Amino acid sequence: MKSNQTIIRKNNIEQLHFITKLLDIKDSNIQIIDIINKDTHKEIIAKLDYEAPPCPDCRSQMKKYDFQKPSKIPYLETTGMPTRILLKKRRFKCYQCLKIAVSETALDKKNHQITRIVNQKIAQNLIEKTSMTDIAHQLSISTSTVIRKLNDFRFKHDFSSLPEIMSWDEYTFTKGKMSFIAQDFEKLTIIAVLEGRTQTVIRNHFLR
């Protein structure tokens, strides 16, 4: 007969597995350990771990080393609360060439702390013409993150003619620096996003 402790542990594992599916985290190497309900947001405690790969430099077999300090990754809201994943990533060490490598996941791009699903949500909101400030507030991210995603869009610059009426605005990008965005007033299509707002920056862009 199973003890009460065994049954509780089994139920907790099943609950965390259900939450993993609910959050649409497809990487089986990510294990959710706990969920902490804060006053203002939820924190999902998780770790990324798998078998050590060959060394990318010398091809010797690496070994498991330790875990990185948890990465704070913004995620979509859950139950109406801003949510972030605190993900500990396994590190591997090659004892031949002393190379250190960090485990990788499709959840977020290498050296980025914005998940693909949040990036997709940013793009969706931009297409729906939601304001950048509202997007940042809804997803609990900075306005500069939204701007960087906006810059990922490829604009086809055709300055042989410009809209009869243009609208433009300034916004704070990073460290208080003001930047510039212009759009077609009638069609509401974005014409340019510049990281500066000075006359020289704007003139040089449109006179290229």
N, C-alpha and C. Protein backbone atom coordinates (compact mmCIF):
# COMPACT_ATOMS: atom_id res chain seq x y z
N MET A 1 0.84 -1.21 0.00
CA MET A 1 0.00 0.00 0.00
C MET A 1 0.88 1.25 0.00
N LYS A 2 0.54 2.18 -0.87
CA LYS A 2 1.33 3.40 -0.99
C LYS A 2 1.09 4.31 0.21
N SER A 3 2.16 4.95 0.65
CA SER A 3 2.04 5.89 1.77
C SER A 3 1.41 7.18 1.29
N ASN A 4 0.87 7.96 2.24
CA ASN A 4 0.29 9.25 1.90
C ASN A 4 1.32 10.18 1.27
N GLN A 5 2.57 10.08 1.73
CA GLN A 5 3.63 10.92 1.20
C GLN A 5 3.89 10.61 -0.27
N THR A 6 3.86 9.31 -0.62
CA THR A 6 4.06 8.90 -2.01
C THR A 6 2.93 9.40 -2.90
N ILE A 7 1.71 9.32 -2.41
CA ILE A 7 0.54 9.77 -3.17
C ILE A 7 0.60 11.27 -3.40
N ILE A 8 0.95 12.03 -2.36
CA ILE A 8 1.05 13.49 -2.49
C ILE A 8 2.12 13.86 -3.51
N ARG A 9 3.27 13.17 -3.44
CA ARG A 9 4.37 13.45 -4.38
C ARG A 9 3.93 13.16 -5.81
N LYS A 10 3.23 12.04 -6.01
CA LYS A 10 2.73 11.67 -7.34
C LYS A 10 1.76 12.73 -7.85
N ASN A 11 0.87 13.20 -6.99
CA ASN A 11 -0.10 14.22 -7.39
C ASN A 11 0.59 15.53 -7.76
N ASN A 12 1.64 15.88 -7.00
CA ASN A 12 2.39 17.11 -7.30
C ASN A 12 3.07 17.01 -8.66
N ILE A 13 3.66 15.85 -8.94
CA ILE A 13 4.33 15.65 -10.24
C ILE A 13 3.32 15.76 -11.37
N GLU A 14 2.16 15.14 -11.20
CA GLU A 14 1.12 15.19 -12.24
C GLU A 14 0.63 16.62 -12.44
N GLN A 15 0.51 17.37 -11.34
CA GLN A 15 0.06 18.75 -11.43
C GLN A 15 1.07 19.61 -12.18
N LEU A 16 2.36 19.44 -11.88
CA LEU A 16 3.41 20.20 -12.56
C LEU A 16 3.49 19.82 -14.04
N HIS A 17 3.26 18.54 -14.35
CA HIS A 17 3.24 18.10 -15.74
C HIS A 17 2.07 18.74 -16.48
N PHE A 18 0.92 18.82 -15.83
CA PHE A 18 -0.25 19.47 -16.43
C PHE A 18 0.02 20.95 -16.70
N ILE A 19 0.67 21.62 -15.74
CA ILE A 19 1.00 23.03 -15.90
C ILE A 19 1.96 23.23 -17.06
N THR A 20 2.92 22.30 -17.23
CA THR A 20 3.85 22.37 -18.36
C THR A 20 3.10 22.34 -19.68
N LYS A 21 2.12 21.46 -19.79
CA LYS A 21 1.32 21.38 -21.02
C LYS A 21 0.46 22.62 -21.18
N LEU A 22 -0.09 23.11 -20.08
CA LEU A 22 -0.95 24.29 -20.13
C LEU A 22 -0.18 25.51 -20.63
N LEU A 23 1.08 25.62 -20.22
CA LEU A 23 1.93 26.75 -20.64
C LEU A 23 2.49 26.55 -22.04
N ASP A 24 2.21 25.41 -22.64
CA ASP A 24 2.69 25.09 -23.99
C ASP A 24 4.22 25.06 -24.05
N ILE A 25 4.84 24.54 -23.01
CA ILE A 25 6.29 24.35 -23.00
C ILE A 25 6.57 22.96 -23.56
N LYS A 26 7.06 22.92 -24.79
CA LYS A 26 7.21 21.65 -25.50
C LYS A 26 8.55 20.97 -25.25
N ASP A 27 9.51 21.68 -24.69
CA ASP A 27 10.83 21.12 -24.46
C ASP A 27 10.77 20.15 -23.27
N SER A 28 10.95 18.87 -23.56
CA SER A 28 10.87 17.85 -22.50
C SER A 28 12.04 17.93 -21.52
N ASN A 29 13.07 18.69 -21.87
CA ASN A 29 14.23 18.85 -20.98
C ASN A 29 14.00 19.92 -19.91
N ILE A 30 12.89 20.64 -20.03
CA ILE A 30 12.55 21.65 -19.02
C ILE A 30 11.61 21.02 -17.99
N GLN A 31 12.02 21.08 -16.77
CA GLN A 31 11.22 20.52 -15.68
C GLN A 31 10.75 21.64 -14.76
N ILE A 32 9.44 21.76 -14.60
CA ILE A 32 8.89 22.74 -13.66
C ILE A 32 8.98 22.18 -12.25
N ILE A 33 9.58 22.95 -11.38
CA ILE A 33 9.81 22.50 -10.01
C ILE A 33 8.75 23.05 -9.06
N ASP A 34 8.36 24.30 -9.26
CA ASP A 34 7.41 24.91 -8.33
C ASP A 34 6.80 26.15 -8.99
N ILE A 35 5.69 26.60 -8.45
CA ILE A 35 5.06 27.84 -8.87
C ILE A 35 4.82 28.68 -7.63
N ILE A 36 5.31 29.91 -7.66
CA ILE A 36 5.19 30.80 -6.51
C ILE A 36 4.26 31.95 -6.88
N ASN A 37 3.22 32.14 -6.10
CA ASN A 37 2.28 33.24 -6.31
C ASN A 37 2.71 34.45 -5.49
N LYS A 38 3.21 35.47 -6.18
CA LYS A 38 3.57 36.72 -5.54
C LYS A 38 2.34 37.64 -5.52
N ASP A 39 2.45 38.78 -4.86
CA ASP A 39 1.33 39.72 -4.82
C ASP A 39 1.04 40.31 -6.19
N THR A 40 2.08 40.50 -7.00
CA THR A 40 1.92 41.19 -8.28
C THR A 40 2.11 40.29 -9.49
N HIS A 41 2.65 39.08 -9.30
CA HIS A 41 2.93 38.22 -10.44
C HIS A 41 3.14 36.78 -9.99
N LYS A 42 3.25 35.89 -10.97
CA LYS A 42 3.57 34.49 -10.69
C LYS A 42 5.00 34.20 -11.12
N GLU A 43 5.67 33.35 -10.38
CA GLU A 43 7.01 32.90 -10.75
C GLU A 43 7.00 31.39 -10.93
N ILE A 44 7.42 30.95 -12.11
CA ILE A 44 7.51 29.52 -12.39
C ILE A 44 8.97 29.11 -12.24
N ILE A 45 9.25 28.29 -11.26
CA ILE A 45 10.62 27.83 -11.00
C ILE A 45 10.86 26.58 -11.84
N ALA A 46 11.88 26.61 -12.68
CA ALA A 46 12.13 25.49 -13.58
C ALA A 46 13.63 25.31 -13.81
N LYS A 47 13.98 24.15 -14.32
CA LYS A 47 15.38 23.90 -14.68
C LYS A 47 15.46 23.22 -16.04
N LEU A 48 16.55 23.50 -16.74
CA LEU A 48 16.82 22.89 -18.05
C LEU A 48 18.03 21.97 -17.88
N ASP A 49 17.83 20.69 -18.16
CA ASP A 49 18.91 19.73 -17.92
C ASP A 49 18.80 18.58 -18.92
N TYR A 50 19.93 18.13 -19.42
CA TYR A 50 19.98 16.94 -20.28
C TYR A 50 21.40 16.38 -20.26
N GLU A 51 21.59 15.25 -20.95
CA GLU A 51 22.90 14.59 -20.94
C GLU A 51 23.96 15.48 -21.58
N ALA A 52 25.18 15.38 -21.08
CA ALA A 52 26.27 16.22 -21.58
C ALA A 52 26.59 15.89 -23.04
N PRO A 53 26.74 16.92 -23.88
CA PRO A 53 27.06 16.71 -25.29
C PRO A 53 28.58 16.67 -25.51
N PRO A 54 29.03 16.37 -26.74
CA PRO A 54 30.46 16.49 -27.06
C PRO A 54 30.88 17.96 -27.01
N CYS A 55 32.14 18.19 -26.71
CA CYS A 55 32.66 19.56 -26.67
C CYS A 55 32.62 20.18 -28.06
N PRO A 56 32.06 21.38 -28.21
CA PRO A 56 32.00 22.02 -29.53
C PRO A 56 33.37 22.42 -30.07
N ASP A 57 34.37 22.48 -29.20
CA ASP A 57 35.72 22.88 -29.63
C ASP A 57 36.61 21.68 -29.95
N CYS A 58 36.79 20.79 -28.99
CA CYS A 58 37.73 19.68 -29.21
C CYS A 58 37.04 18.33 -29.43
N ARG A 59 35.72 18.29 -29.32
CA ARG A 59 34.89 17.11 -29.54
C ARG A 59 35.05 16.03 -28.47
N SER A 60 35.76 16.32 -27.40
CA SER A 60 35.81 15.39 -26.28
C SER A 60 34.45 15.38 -25.58
N GLN A 61 34.19 14.33 -24.83
CA GLN A 61 32.91 14.25 -24.12
C GLN A 61 32.91 15.20 -22.93
N MET A 62 31.93 16.09 -22.90
CA MET A 62 31.80 17.00 -21.77
C MET A 62 31.12 16.29 -20.61
N LYS A 63 31.15 16.91 -19.45
CA LYS A 63 30.46 16.39 -18.28
C LYS A 63 29.59 17.48 -17.65
N LYS A 64 28.55 17.02 -16.96
CA LYS A 64 27.69 17.98 -16.27
C LYS A 64 28.51 18.72 -15.21
N TYR A 65 28.28 20.04 -15.13
CA TYR A 65 29.10 20.86 -14.26
C TYR A 65 28.26 21.43 -13.11
N ASP A 66 27.50 22.48 -13.40
CA ASP A 66 26.62 23.08 -12.40
C ASP A 66 25.48 23.77 -13.13
N PHE A 67 24.73 24.59 -12.42
CA PHE A 67 23.64 25.34 -13.03
C PHE A 67 23.96 26.83 -13.01
N GLN A 68 23.55 27.51 -14.08
CA GLN A 68 23.66 28.96 -14.09
C GLN A 68 22.70 29.57 -13.07
N LYS A 69 22.98 30.83 -12.73
CA LYS A 69 22.01 31.60 -11.95
C LYS A 69 20.72 31.68 -12.76
N PRO A 70 19.55 31.52 -12.14
CA PRO A 70 18.29 31.49 -12.90
C PRO A 70 18.11 32.70 -13.81
N SER A 71 17.74 32.41 -15.07
CA SER A 71 17.38 33.47 -16.01
C SER A 71 15.93 33.86 -15.76
N LYS A 72 15.66 35.16 -15.71
CA LYS A 72 14.30 35.64 -15.49
C LYS A 72 13.67 35.92 -16.85
N ILE A 73 12.79 35.00 -17.27
CA ILE A 73 12.24 35.04 -18.62
C ILE A 73 10.76 35.43 -18.57
N PRO A 74 10.38 36.59 -19.12
CA PRO A 74 8.96 36.97 -19.16
C PRO A 74 8.15 35.95 -19.96
N TYR A 75 6.92 35.70 -19.50
CA TYR A 75 6.05 34.75 -20.19
C TYR A 75 4.66 35.35 -20.29
N LEU A 76 3.77 34.64 -20.97
CA LEU A 76 2.40 35.14 -21.09
C LEU A 76 1.68 35.08 -19.75
N GLU A 77 0.65 35.89 -19.61
CA GLU A 77 -0.13 35.90 -18.37
C GLU A 77 -0.75 34.53 -18.11
N THR A 78 -0.83 34.16 -16.85
CA THR A 78 -1.57 32.97 -16.45
C THR A 78 -2.55 33.37 -15.36
N THR A 79 -3.80 32.96 -15.54
CA THR A 79 -4.90 33.32 -14.63
C THR A 79 -4.92 34.83 -14.36
N GLY A 80 -4.67 35.60 -15.41
CA GLY A 80 -4.75 37.06 -15.30
C GLY A 80 -3.60 37.72 -14.59
N MET A 81 -2.54 36.97 -14.30
CA MET A 81 -1.39 37.53 -13.58
C MET A 81 -0.15 37.52 -14.47
N PRO A 82 0.64 38.61 -14.45
CA PRO A 82 1.92 38.59 -15.16
C PRO A 82 2.75 37.41 -14.66
N THR A 83 3.44 36.76 -15.59
CA THR A 83 4.16 35.54 -15.24
C THR A 83 5.58 35.58 -15.80
N ARG A 84 6.52 35.07 -15.04
CA ARG A 84 7.87 34.92 -15.56
C ARG A 84 8.42 33.57 -15.12
N ILE A 85 9.30 33.03 -15.96
CA ILE A 85 9.94 31.75 -15.68
C ILE A 85 11.34 32.00 -15.13
N LEU A 86 11.63 31.44 -13.99
CA LEU A 86 12.99 31.48 -13.45
C LEU A 86 13.65 30.16 -13.81
N LEU A 87 14.42 30.19 -14.90
CA LEU A 87 14.96 28.97 -15.49
C LEU A 87 16.45 28.80 -15.19
N LYS A 88 16.76 27.74 -14.46
CA LYS A 88 18.16 27.39 -14.22
C LYS A 88 18.64 26.50 -15.36
N LYS A 89 19.71 26.92 -16.04
CA LYS A 89 20.23 26.17 -17.18
C LYS A 89 21.48 25.39 -16.78
N ARG A 90 21.50 24.12 -17.13
CA ARG A 90 22.65 23.27 -16.83
C ARG A 90 23.89 23.75 -17.61
N ARG A 91 25.02 23.75 -16.93
CA ARG A 91 26.28 24.03 -17.60
C ARG A 91 27.09 22.74 -17.73
N PHE A 92 27.87 22.66 -18.81
CA PHE A 92 28.71 21.50 -19.06
C PHE A 92 30.17 21.96 -19.15
N LYS A 93 31.07 21.07 -18.73
CA LYS A 93 32.49 21.41 -18.77
C LYS A 93 33.28 20.32 -19.49
N CYS A 94 34.19 20.75 -20.36
CA CYS A 94 35.12 19.83 -21.00
C CYS A 94 36.42 19.84 -20.19
N TYR A 95 36.80 18.68 -19.71
CA TYR A 95 38.00 18.60 -18.87
C TYR A 95 39.28 18.41 -19.70
N GLN A 96 39.11 18.43 -21.04
CA GLN A 96 40.28 18.39 -21.91
C GLN A 96 40.75 19.80 -22.26
N CYS A 97 39.81 20.63 -22.75
CA CYS A 97 40.18 22.00 -23.16
C CYS A 97 39.59 23.06 -22.23
N LEU A 98 38.84 22.62 -21.21
CA LEU A 98 38.25 23.50 -20.18
C LEU A 98 37.14 24.40 -20.72
N LYS A 99 36.59 24.03 -21.86
CA LYS A 99 35.45 24.76 -22.42
C LYS A 99 34.23 24.59 -21.53
N ILE A 100 33.50 25.69 -21.32
CA ILE A 100 32.23 25.66 -20.58
C ILE A 100 31.10 25.97 -21.56
N ALA A 101 30.08 25.14 -21.57
CA ALA A 101 28.93 25.36 -22.44
C ALA A 101 27.66 25.36 -21.60
N VAL A 102 26.66 26.07 -22.09
CA VAL A 102 25.38 26.18 -21.38
C VAL A 102 24.30 25.46 -22.18
N SER A 103 23.45 24.75 -21.49
CA SER A 103 22.35 24.04 -22.15
C SER A 103 21.45 25.02 -22.88
N GLU A 104 20.89 24.56 -24.00
CA GLU A 104 20.06 25.41 -24.85
C GLU A 104 18.67 24.83 -24.98
N THR A 105 17.72 25.71 -25.26
CA THR A 105 16.33 25.30 -25.41
C THR A 105 15.64 26.12 -26.49
N ALA A 106 14.66 25.50 -27.13
CA ALA A 106 13.87 26.22 -28.13
C ALA A 106 12.92 27.22 -27.49
N LEU A 107 12.81 27.18 -26.16
CA LEU A 107 11.91 28.12 -25.48
C LEU A 107 12.33 29.56 -25.72
N ASP A 108 13.63 29.81 -25.68
CA ASP A 108 14.13 31.16 -25.96
C ASP A 108 15.40 31.06 -26.80
N LYS A 109 15.69 32.12 -27.54
CA LYS A 109 16.88 32.15 -28.38
C LYS A 109 18.12 32.25 -27.50
N LYS A 110 19.22 31.76 -28.05
CA LYS A 110 20.48 31.82 -27.31
C LYS A 110 20.84 33.27 -27.01
N ASN A 111 21.24 33.52 -25.76
CA ASN A 111 21.63 34.85 -25.29
C ASN A 111 20.46 35.84 -25.27
N HIS A 112 19.22 35.33 -25.32
CA HIS A 112 18.04 36.19 -25.21
C HIS A 112 17.21 35.72 -24.01
N GLN A 113 16.48 36.65 -23.43
CA GLN A 113 15.63 36.28 -22.29
C GLN A 113 14.16 36.59 -22.57
N ILE A 114 13.81 36.63 -23.85
CA ILE A 114 12.41 36.77 -24.24
C ILE A 114 12.01 35.50 -24.96
N THR A 115 10.99 34.81 -24.48
CA THR A 115 10.59 33.55 -25.08
C THR A 115 9.99 33.77 -26.47
N ARG A 116 10.03 32.72 -27.27
CA ARG A 116 9.48 32.79 -28.62
C ARG A 116 7.98 33.12 -28.57
N ILE A 117 7.27 32.54 -27.61
CA ILE A 117 5.83 32.76 -27.55
C ILE A 117 5.51 34.22 -27.22
N VAL A 118 6.35 34.86 -26.39
CA VAL A 118 6.16 36.28 -26.09
C VAL A 118 6.51 37.12 -27.31
N ASN A 119 7.58 36.75 -28.03
CA ASN A 119 7.93 37.45 -29.26
C ASN A 119 6.80 37.37 -30.27
N GLN A 120 6.18 36.21 -30.37
CA GLN A 120 5.05 36.05 -31.29
C GLN A 120 3.88 36.93 -30.87
N LYS A 121 3.66 37.04 -29.56
CA LYS A 121 2.56 37.88 -29.06
C LYS A 121 2.85 39.35 -29.33
N ILE A 122 4.12 39.76 -29.19
CA ILE A 122 4.50 41.14 -29.51
C ILE A 122 4.20 41.43 -30.97
N ALA A 123 4.62 40.51 -31.85
CA ALA A 123 4.41 40.70 -33.29
C ALA A 123 2.92 40.77 -33.62
N GLN A 124 2.13 39.90 -32.99
CA GLN A 124 0.69 39.91 -33.22
C GLN A 124 0.08 41.24 -32.82
N ASN A 125 0.46 41.75 -31.66
CA ASN A 125 -0.08 43.03 -31.19
C ASN A 125 0.37 44.19 -32.07
N LEU A 126 1.60 44.13 -32.57
CA LEU A 126 2.08 45.18 -33.48
C LEU A 126 1.27 45.19 -34.76
N ILE A 127 0.98 44.00 -35.28
CA ILE A 127 0.18 43.90 -36.50
C ILE A 127 -1.22 44.44 -36.26
N GLU A 128 -1.74 44.21 -35.05
CA GLU A 128 -3.08 44.70 -34.71
C GLU A 128 -3.08 46.18 -34.31
N LYS A 129 -1.89 46.82 -34.44
CA LYS A 129 -1.73 48.26 -34.20
C LYS A 129 -1.99 48.65 -32.74
N THR A 130 -1.72 47.71 -31.83
CA THR A 130 -1.75 48.05 -30.41
C THR A 130 -0.55 48.94 -30.10
N SER A 131 -0.74 49.95 -29.26
CA SER A 131 0.35 50.87 -28.97
C SER A 131 1.49 50.13 -28.26
N MET A 132 2.70 50.63 -28.48
CA MET A 132 3.88 49.97 -27.91
C MET A 132 3.84 49.99 -26.38
N THR A 133 3.33 51.09 -25.83
CA THR A 133 3.24 51.19 -24.38
C THR A 133 2.27 50.15 -23.82
N ASP A 134 1.13 49.96 -24.51
CA ASP A 134 0.15 48.97 -24.06
C ASP A 134 0.70 47.55 -24.17
N ILE A 135 1.44 47.28 -25.25
CA ILE A 135 2.04 45.95 -25.42
C ILE A 135 3.00 45.66 -24.27
N ALA A 136 3.84 46.65 -23.98
CA ALA A 136 4.82 46.48 -22.90
C ALA A 136 4.11 46.23 -21.57
N HIS A 137 3.03 46.96 -21.32
CA HIS A 137 2.29 46.80 -20.06
C HIS A 137 1.62 45.44 -19.99
N GLN A 138 0.98 45.02 -21.09
CA GLN A 138 0.26 43.75 -21.11
C GLN A 138 1.19 42.56 -20.89
N LEU A 139 2.40 42.63 -21.45
CA LEU A 139 3.32 41.50 -21.41
C LEU A 139 4.39 41.65 -20.33
N SER A 140 4.30 42.74 -19.55
CA SER A 140 5.26 42.99 -18.46
C SER A 140 6.70 42.99 -18.97
N ILE A 141 6.91 43.69 -20.07
CA ILE A 141 8.24 43.85 -20.63
C ILE A 141 8.50 45.34 -20.85
N SER A 142 9.72 45.69 -21.21
CA SER A 142 10.05 47.09 -21.42
C SER A 142 9.63 47.55 -22.82
N THR A 143 9.40 48.85 -22.96
CA THR A 143 9.06 49.40 -24.27
C THR A 143 10.20 49.17 -25.25
N SER A 144 11.44 49.22 -24.77
CA SER A 144 12.59 49.01 -25.66
C SER A 144 12.58 47.60 -26.25
N THR A 145 12.06 46.62 -25.50
CA THR A 145 11.94 45.26 -26.03
C THR A 145 10.95 45.22 -27.18
N VAL A 146 9.84 45.94 -27.04
CA VAL A 146 8.85 46.02 -28.11
C VAL A 146 9.47 46.69 -29.34
N ILE A 147 10.24 47.74 -29.12
CA ILE A 147 10.88 48.46 -30.23
C ILE A 147 11.86 47.55 -30.96
N ARG A 148 12.62 46.76 -30.22
CA ARG A 148 13.57 45.85 -30.86
C ARG A 148 12.84 44.84 -31.73
N LYS A 149 11.69 44.36 -31.25
CA LYS A 149 10.91 43.44 -32.06
C LYS A 149 10.37 44.14 -33.29
N LEU A 150 9.95 45.38 -33.13
CA LEU A 150 9.46 46.15 -34.26
C LEU A 150 10.55 46.30 -35.31
N ASN A 151 11.77 46.48 -34.87
CA ASN A 151 12.89 46.62 -35.80
C ASN A 151 13.21 45.32 -36.53
N ASP A 152 12.71 44.20 -36.01
CA ASP A 152 12.91 42.93 -36.70
C ASP A 152 12.10 42.85 -37.99
N PHE A 153 11.02 43.63 -38.06
CA PHE A 153 10.24 43.66 -39.28
C PHE A 153 11.07 44.31 -40.38
N ARG A 154 10.95 43.80 -41.59
CA ARG A 154 11.71 44.34 -42.71
C ARG A 154 10.84 45.30 -43.49
N PHE A 155 11.21 46.57 -43.46
CA PHE A 155 10.47 47.57 -44.21
C PHE A 155 11.08 47.73 -45.60
N LYS A 156 10.25 47.77 -46.62
CA LYS A 156 10.72 48.03 -47.98
C LYS A 156 10.74 49.53 -48.19
N HIS A 157 11.94 50.09 -48.12
CA HIS A 157 12.06 51.54 -48.22
C HIS A 157 11.95 51.97 -49.68
N ASP A 158 10.97 52.79 -49.97
CA ASP A 158 10.83 53.38 -51.29
C ASP A 158 10.60 54.87 -51.08
N PHE A 159 11.68 55.63 -51.17
CA PHE A 159 11.59 57.06 -50.90
C PHE A 159 11.47 57.88 -52.18
N SER A 160 11.09 57.19 -53.30
CA SER A 160 10.83 57.95 -54.52
C SER A 160 9.60 58.83 -54.32
N SER A 161 8.73 58.41 -53.41
CA SER A 161 7.58 59.23 -53.03
C SER A 161 7.24 58.92 -51.58
N LEU A 162 6.69 59.91 -50.90
CA LEU A 162 6.29 59.75 -49.52
C LEU A 162 4.80 60.02 -49.39
N PRO A 163 4.16 59.52 -48.35
CA PRO A 163 2.73 59.78 -48.17
C PRO A 163 2.44 61.28 -48.13
N GLU A 164 1.26 61.66 -48.60
CA GLU A 164 0.87 63.07 -48.58
C GLU A 164 0.84 63.59 -47.14
N ILE A 165 0.37 62.74 -46.23
CA ILE A 165 0.35 63.12 -44.81
C ILE A 165 1.11 62.06 -44.03
N MET A 166 2.11 62.51 -43.27
CA MET A 166 2.87 61.61 -42.41
C MET A 166 2.66 62.00 -40.96
N SER A 167 2.64 61.02 -40.10
CA SER A 167 2.62 61.31 -38.66
C SER A 167 3.88 60.70 -38.06
N TRP A 168 4.38 61.35 -37.01
CA TRP A 168 5.57 60.82 -36.35
C TRP A 168 5.49 61.06 -34.86
N ASP A 169 6.29 60.34 -34.16
CA ASP A 169 6.26 60.42 -32.71
C ASP A 169 7.67 60.14 -32.18
N GLU A 170 7.87 60.52 -30.93
CA GLU A 170 9.13 60.24 -30.25
C GLU A 170 8.83 59.33 -29.06
N TYR A 171 9.78 58.48 -28.74
CA TYR A 171 9.59 57.59 -27.60
C TYR A 171 10.93 57.37 -26.91
N THR A 172 10.86 57.00 -25.66
CA THR A 172 12.08 56.70 -24.92
C THR A 172 12.53 55.30 -25.26
N PHE A 173 13.76 55.16 -25.74
CA PHE A 173 14.27 53.86 -26.16
C PHE A 173 15.08 53.21 -25.04
N THR A 174 16.28 53.66 -24.79
CA THR A 174 17.10 53.12 -23.70
C THR A 174 17.79 54.25 -22.96
N LYS A 175 17.83 54.13 -21.64
CA LYS A 175 18.53 55.08 -20.78
C LYS A 175 18.11 56.52 -21.05
N GLY A 176 16.82 56.71 -21.30
CA GLY A 176 16.29 58.06 -21.50
C GLY A 176 16.52 58.62 -22.88
N LYS A 177 17.18 57.86 -23.76
CA LYS A 177 17.44 58.35 -25.11
C LYS A 177 16.15 58.35 -25.92
N MET A 178 15.88 59.46 -26.62
CA MET A 178 14.66 59.58 -27.42
C MET A 178 14.91 59.07 -28.84
N SER A 179 13.92 58.37 -29.37
CA SER A 179 14.01 57.84 -30.73
C SER A 179 12.80 58.29 -31.54
N PHE A 180 12.74 57.88 -32.81
CA PHE A 180 11.79 58.46 -33.77
C PHE A 180 11.07 57.34 -34.53
N ILE A 181 9.76 57.50 -34.70
CA ILE A 181 8.97 56.57 -35.52
C ILE A 181 8.06 57.38 -36.43
N ALA A 182 7.95 56.96 -37.69
CA ALA A 182 7.10 57.67 -38.67
C ALA A 182 6.17 56.67 -39.33
N GLN A 183 4.94 57.13 -39.65
CA GLN A 183 4.01 56.26 -40.34
C GLN A 183 3.14 57.05 -41.30
N ASP A 184 2.53 56.31 -42.24
CA ASP A 184 1.57 56.89 -43.16
C ASP A 184 0.29 57.18 -42.38
N PHE A 185 -0.13 58.45 -42.36
CA PHE A 185 -1.27 58.86 -41.55
C PHE A 185 -2.55 58.17 -41.99
N GLU A 186 -2.72 58.00 -43.32
CA GLU A 186 -3.96 57.42 -43.84
C GLU A 186 -3.99 55.89 -43.69
N LYS A 187 -2.89 55.24 -44.08
CA LYS A 187 -2.86 53.77 -44.08
C LYS A 187 -2.42 53.19 -42.74
N LEU A 188 -1.83 54.03 -41.89
CA LEU A 188 -1.31 53.60 -40.59
C LEU A 188 -0.20 52.56 -40.72
N THR A 189 0.49 52.57 -41.86
CA THR A 189 1.63 51.67 -42.05
C THR A 189 2.90 52.36 -41.58
N ILE A 190 3.78 51.60 -40.96
CA ILE A 190 5.03 52.16 -40.44
C ILE A 190 6.02 52.37 -41.57
N ILE A 191 6.60 53.55 -41.61
CA ILE A 191 7.55 53.91 -42.66
C ILE A 191 8.98 53.77 -42.17
N ALA A 192 9.23 54.19 -40.94
CA ALA A 192 10.59 54.14 -40.42
C ALA A 192 10.59 54.12 -38.91
N VAL A 193 11.55 53.41 -38.36
CA VAL A 193 11.82 53.43 -36.92
C VAL A 193 13.31 53.71 -36.77
N LEU A 194 13.65 54.84 -36.16
CA LEU A 194 15.04 55.27 -36.04
C LEU A 194 15.44 55.34 -34.58
N GLU A 195 16.69 55.04 -34.31
CA GLU A 195 17.18 55.05 -32.94
C GLU A 195 17.63 56.43 -32.48
N GLY A 196 17.39 57.43 -33.31
CA GLY A 196 17.69 58.81 -32.93
C GLY A 196 16.60 59.72 -33.45
N ARG A 197 16.49 60.91 -32.87
CA ARG A 197 15.42 61.82 -33.28
C ARG A 197 15.98 63.14 -33.79
N THR A 198 17.29 63.25 -33.92
CA THR A 198 17.87 64.52 -34.35
C THR A 198 17.58 64.77 -35.82
N GLN A 199 17.64 66.04 -36.20
CA GLN A 199 17.37 66.41 -37.59
C GLN A 199 18.32 65.71 -38.54
N THR A 200 19.58 65.56 -38.13
CA THR A 200 20.57 64.92 -38.99
C THR A 200 20.23 63.46 -39.23
N VAL A 201 19.85 62.74 -38.18
CA VAL A 201 19.50 61.33 -38.30
C VAL A 201 18.30 61.15 -39.22
N ILE A 202 17.28 61.98 -39.03
CA ILE A 202 16.05 61.85 -39.83
C ILE A 202 16.32 62.23 -41.28
N ARG A 203 17.04 63.33 -41.50
CA ARG A 203 17.32 63.78 -42.86
C ARG A 203 18.16 62.75 -43.62
N ASN A 204 19.20 62.24 -42.98
CA ASN A 204 20.06 61.27 -43.64
C ASN A 204 19.30 60.00 -44.01
N HIS A 205 18.35 59.61 -43.16
CA HIS A 205 17.57 58.40 -43.44
C HIS A 205 16.71 58.58 -44.69
N PHE A 206 16.00 59.69 -44.78
CA PHE A 206 15.07 59.88 -45.88
C PHE A 206 15.74 60.37 -47.16
N LEU A 207 16.98 60.81 -47.08
CA LEU A 207 17.69 61.27 -48.28
C LEU A 207 18.63 60.21 -48.82
N ARG A 208 18.54 59.01 -48.30
CA ARG A 208 19.44 57.95 -48.78
C ARG A 208 19.15 57.62 -50.24
